[in-house]
Structures are given as C-alpha cells and as structure tokens.
Amino acid sequence: MHRAYHPFEVAPDAPTLTLSREESFHIVKVLRARADEKISAFDGRGNVWTGRMVSADAKALEIAIETRERAAPPSCRLALAQMLPKASLADDIVRAGVEIGLSEFYPILGARTELKLDAARAARRLE
C-alpha cells in the first residue's frame, strides 16, 4: 500500500480527500499506482486516512476514504545534532531525517561551517 502526505484539513465526515499536485504526480507517475489501489494518507499530526484511489490523475489524485485513524505517538523520539552542511545538502538531510521518523533536529554552527546566510534568511530556514 502506498503512503502519501496530506497536510490539509479534512472534514470528519468527508467521503474523499484530494492529494496535492506534487503528491499526486509522485503516486501516479513515479510509483505507478493505478485506480482502485489501496492508499494511505497522513497529515503529520497523527491523522491517517486509508482508502482506495478513485482515479489515477497525476494532477489531483482523489481517495475514497474507508477508514480514519489516529496514529499512536512514537514509542521513542529520535533527535539529530549535526554540523550545518552546505545549503544544498541541508534540505536533503532534514527530508531524510523526517522520512525515518526524526522528531528533533539541532543544527550546530562550527568553526568550519560553510554557511553564508543573513540573519533574516537563517530564521526562515530554521522554521
């Protein structure tokens, strides 16, 4: 069963949900999912919806919701403290960490850190 990220609100009685364009493209074109396949969507806040794909539309994949659940909180919390790499790698590190269940990320500035951000941009990146 494929899993997809759906950060938007879903009404408690909604019969369907529609994935974002990026998630729809990934599920349909990259993972090659087809209509009527089972799929699970989660919002990162503990809500999980399971259902079947109504259509394999790469622009707006619609899921007919069969079950709604509240995911149990993780039994342990993972944290990563890492020296900040070049900007191009920082996003990849955070993304991979989130994929494996990272709950906390502590960026560390060191004497050899190659970081060229002004204060305003640094604040935006840390959000």
Protein backbone atom coordinates (compact mmCIF):
# COMPACT_ATOMS: atom_id res chain seq x y z
CA MET A 1 0.00 0.00 0.00
CA HIS A 2 1.32 3.43 -0.94
CA ARG A 3 1.51 6.29 1.59
CA ALA A 4 1.07 9.97 0.81
CA TYR A 5 1.49 13.19 2.77
CA HIS A 6 -1.66 15.32 3.00
CA PRO A 7 -1.07 18.36 5.27
CA PHE A 8 -4.51 19.92 4.72
CA GLU A 9 -7.58 19.72 6.95
CA VAL A 10 -10.12 17.00 6.16
CA ALA A 11 -13.67 17.29 7.49
CA PRO A 12 -14.55 14.40 9.85
CA ASP A 13 -17.41 13.29 7.59
CA ALA A 14 -15.71 13.93 4.21
CA PRO A 15 -16.13 10.95 1.86
CA THR A 16 -12.97 11.78 -0.13
CA LEU A 17 -9.73 13.71 0.02
CA THR A 18 -7.63 15.08 -2.82
CA LEU A 19 -3.84 14.99 -2.71
CA SER A 20 -1.64 17.90 -3.74
CA ARG A 21 -0.33 18.09 -7.29
CA GLU A 22 3.17 17.01 -6.18
CA GLU A 23 1.95 14.01 -4.16
CA SER A 24 -0.47 13.01 -6.93
CA PHE A 25 2.32 13.09 -9.51
CA HIS A 26 4.61 11.03 -7.28
CA ILE A 27 2.00 8.35 -6.56
CA VAL A 28 0.74 8.05 -10.16
CA LYS A 29 3.84 8.65 -12.28
CA VAL A 30 6.75 7.60 -10.06
CA LEU A 31 5.18 4.77 -8.06
CA ARG A 32 2.86 3.85 -10.97
CA ALA A 33 -0.21 3.35 -8.82
CA ARG A 34 -3.49 2.61 -10.59
CA ALA A 35 -7.14 3.41 -9.90
CA ASP A 36 -8.78 1.29 -7.17
CA GLU A 37 -5.46 0.55 -5.40
CA LYS A 38 -5.37 0.95 -1.63
CA ILE A 39 -3.58 4.05 -0.39
CA SER A 40 -2.94 5.65 2.97
CA ALA A 41 -2.64 9.40 3.57
CA PHE A 42 -1.27 11.08 6.69
CA ASP A 43 -1.04 14.69 7.82
CA GLY A 44 1.97 14.59 10.15
CA ARG A 45 -0.24 15.48 13.11
CA GLY A 46 -1.38 11.93 13.88
CA ASN A 47 -4.29 11.59 11.45
CA VAL A 48 -4.24 8.70 8.98
CA TRP A 49 -6.84 8.04 6.26
CA THR A 50 -6.96 4.77 4.33
CA GLY A 51 -8.97 4.22 1.20
CA ARG A 52 -8.93 3.47 -2.50
CA MET A 53 -7.83 5.67 -5.36
CA VAL A 54 -10.90 6.91 -7.24
CA SER A 55 -8.86 7.79 -10.32
CA ALA A 56 -5.18 7.78 -11.24
CA ASP A 57 -4.99 11.51 -12.03
CA ALA A 58 -1.42 12.81 -11.76
CA LYS A 59 -2.68 16.36 -11.11
CA ALA A 60 -5.29 15.71 -8.42
CA LEU A 61 -5.48 12.16 -7.09
CA GLU A 62 -8.72 11.57 -5.20
CA ILE A 63 -9.01 8.98 -2.42
CA ALA A 64 -12.34 7.48 -1.33
CA ILE A 65 -11.88 7.32 2.45
CA GLU A 66 -12.66 3.93 4.02
CA THR A 67 -11.11 4.34 7.48
CA ARG A 68 -9.89 7.19 9.66
CA GLU A 69 -7.40 6.61 12.46
CA ARG A 70 -5.32 8.50 14.95
CA ALA A 71 -1.73 7.25 14.79
CA ALA A 72 -0.16 6.34 18.11
CA PRO A 73 2.70 8.60 19.16
CA PRO A 74 6.12 7.07 18.55
CA SER A 75 7.48 4.91 21.36
CA CYS A 76 10.79 6.76 21.19
CA ARG A 77 11.90 10.13 19.89
CA LEU A 78 14.82 10.46 17.50
CA ALA A 79 17.00 13.55 17.53
CA LEU A 80 19.85 14.56 15.23
CA ALA A 81 22.53 17.10 16.08
CA GLN A 82 24.65 17.88 13.05
CA MET A 83 27.07 20.49 11.84
CA LEU A 84 25.38 22.52 9.13
CA PRO A 85 26.46 21.38 5.68
CA LYS A 86 26.31 23.42 2.50
CA ALA A 87 22.77 24.66 1.84
CA SER A 88 22.10 22.16 -0.94
CA LEU A 89 22.61 19.23 1.45
CA ALA A 90 20.78 20.65 4.47
CA ASP A 91 17.33 20.18 2.93
CA ASP A 92 18.18 16.59 1.93
CA ILE A 93 19.37 15.77 5.45
CA VAL A 94 16.22 17.15 7.08
CA ARG A 95 13.98 15.42 4.50
CA ALA A 96 15.69 12.04 5.02
CA GLY A 97 15.52 12.51 8.79
CA VAL A 98 11.79 13.16 8.69
CA GLU A 99 11.30 10.10 6.48
CA ILE A 100 12.90 7.86 9.12
CA GLY A 101 10.95 9.44 11.97
CA LEU A 102 13.27 12.18 13.21
CA SER A 103 11.44 14.30 15.76
CA GLU A 104 14.12 16.88 16.57
CA PHE A 105 16.90 18.47 14.54
CA TYR A 106 19.66 20.51 16.18
CA PRO A 107 21.80 22.46 13.71
CA ILE A 108 25.30 23.19 15.02
CA LEU A 109 27.50 26.03 13.81
CA GLY A 110 31.18 25.15 13.90
CA ALA A 111 34.43 26.87 13.08
CA ARG A 112 34.49 25.22 9.64
CA THR A 113 30.81 25.55 8.80
CA GLU A 114 30.42 26.89 5.26
CA LEU A 115 27.25 28.86 5.79
CA LYS A 116 26.52 32.19 4.19
CA LEU A 117 23.09 33.35 5.43
CA ASP A 118 21.98 36.70 6.68
CA ALA A 119 20.01 36.72 9.95
CA ALA A 120 16.56 37.01 8.30
CA ARG A 121 17.21 34.14 5.89
CA ALA A 122 18.64 32.00 8.70
CA ALA A 123 15.46 32.49 10.74
CA ARG A 124 13.32 31.42 7.75
CA ARG A 125 15.47 28.31 7.17
CA LEU A 126 15.19 27.23 10.80
CA GLU A 127 11.37 27.39 10.66
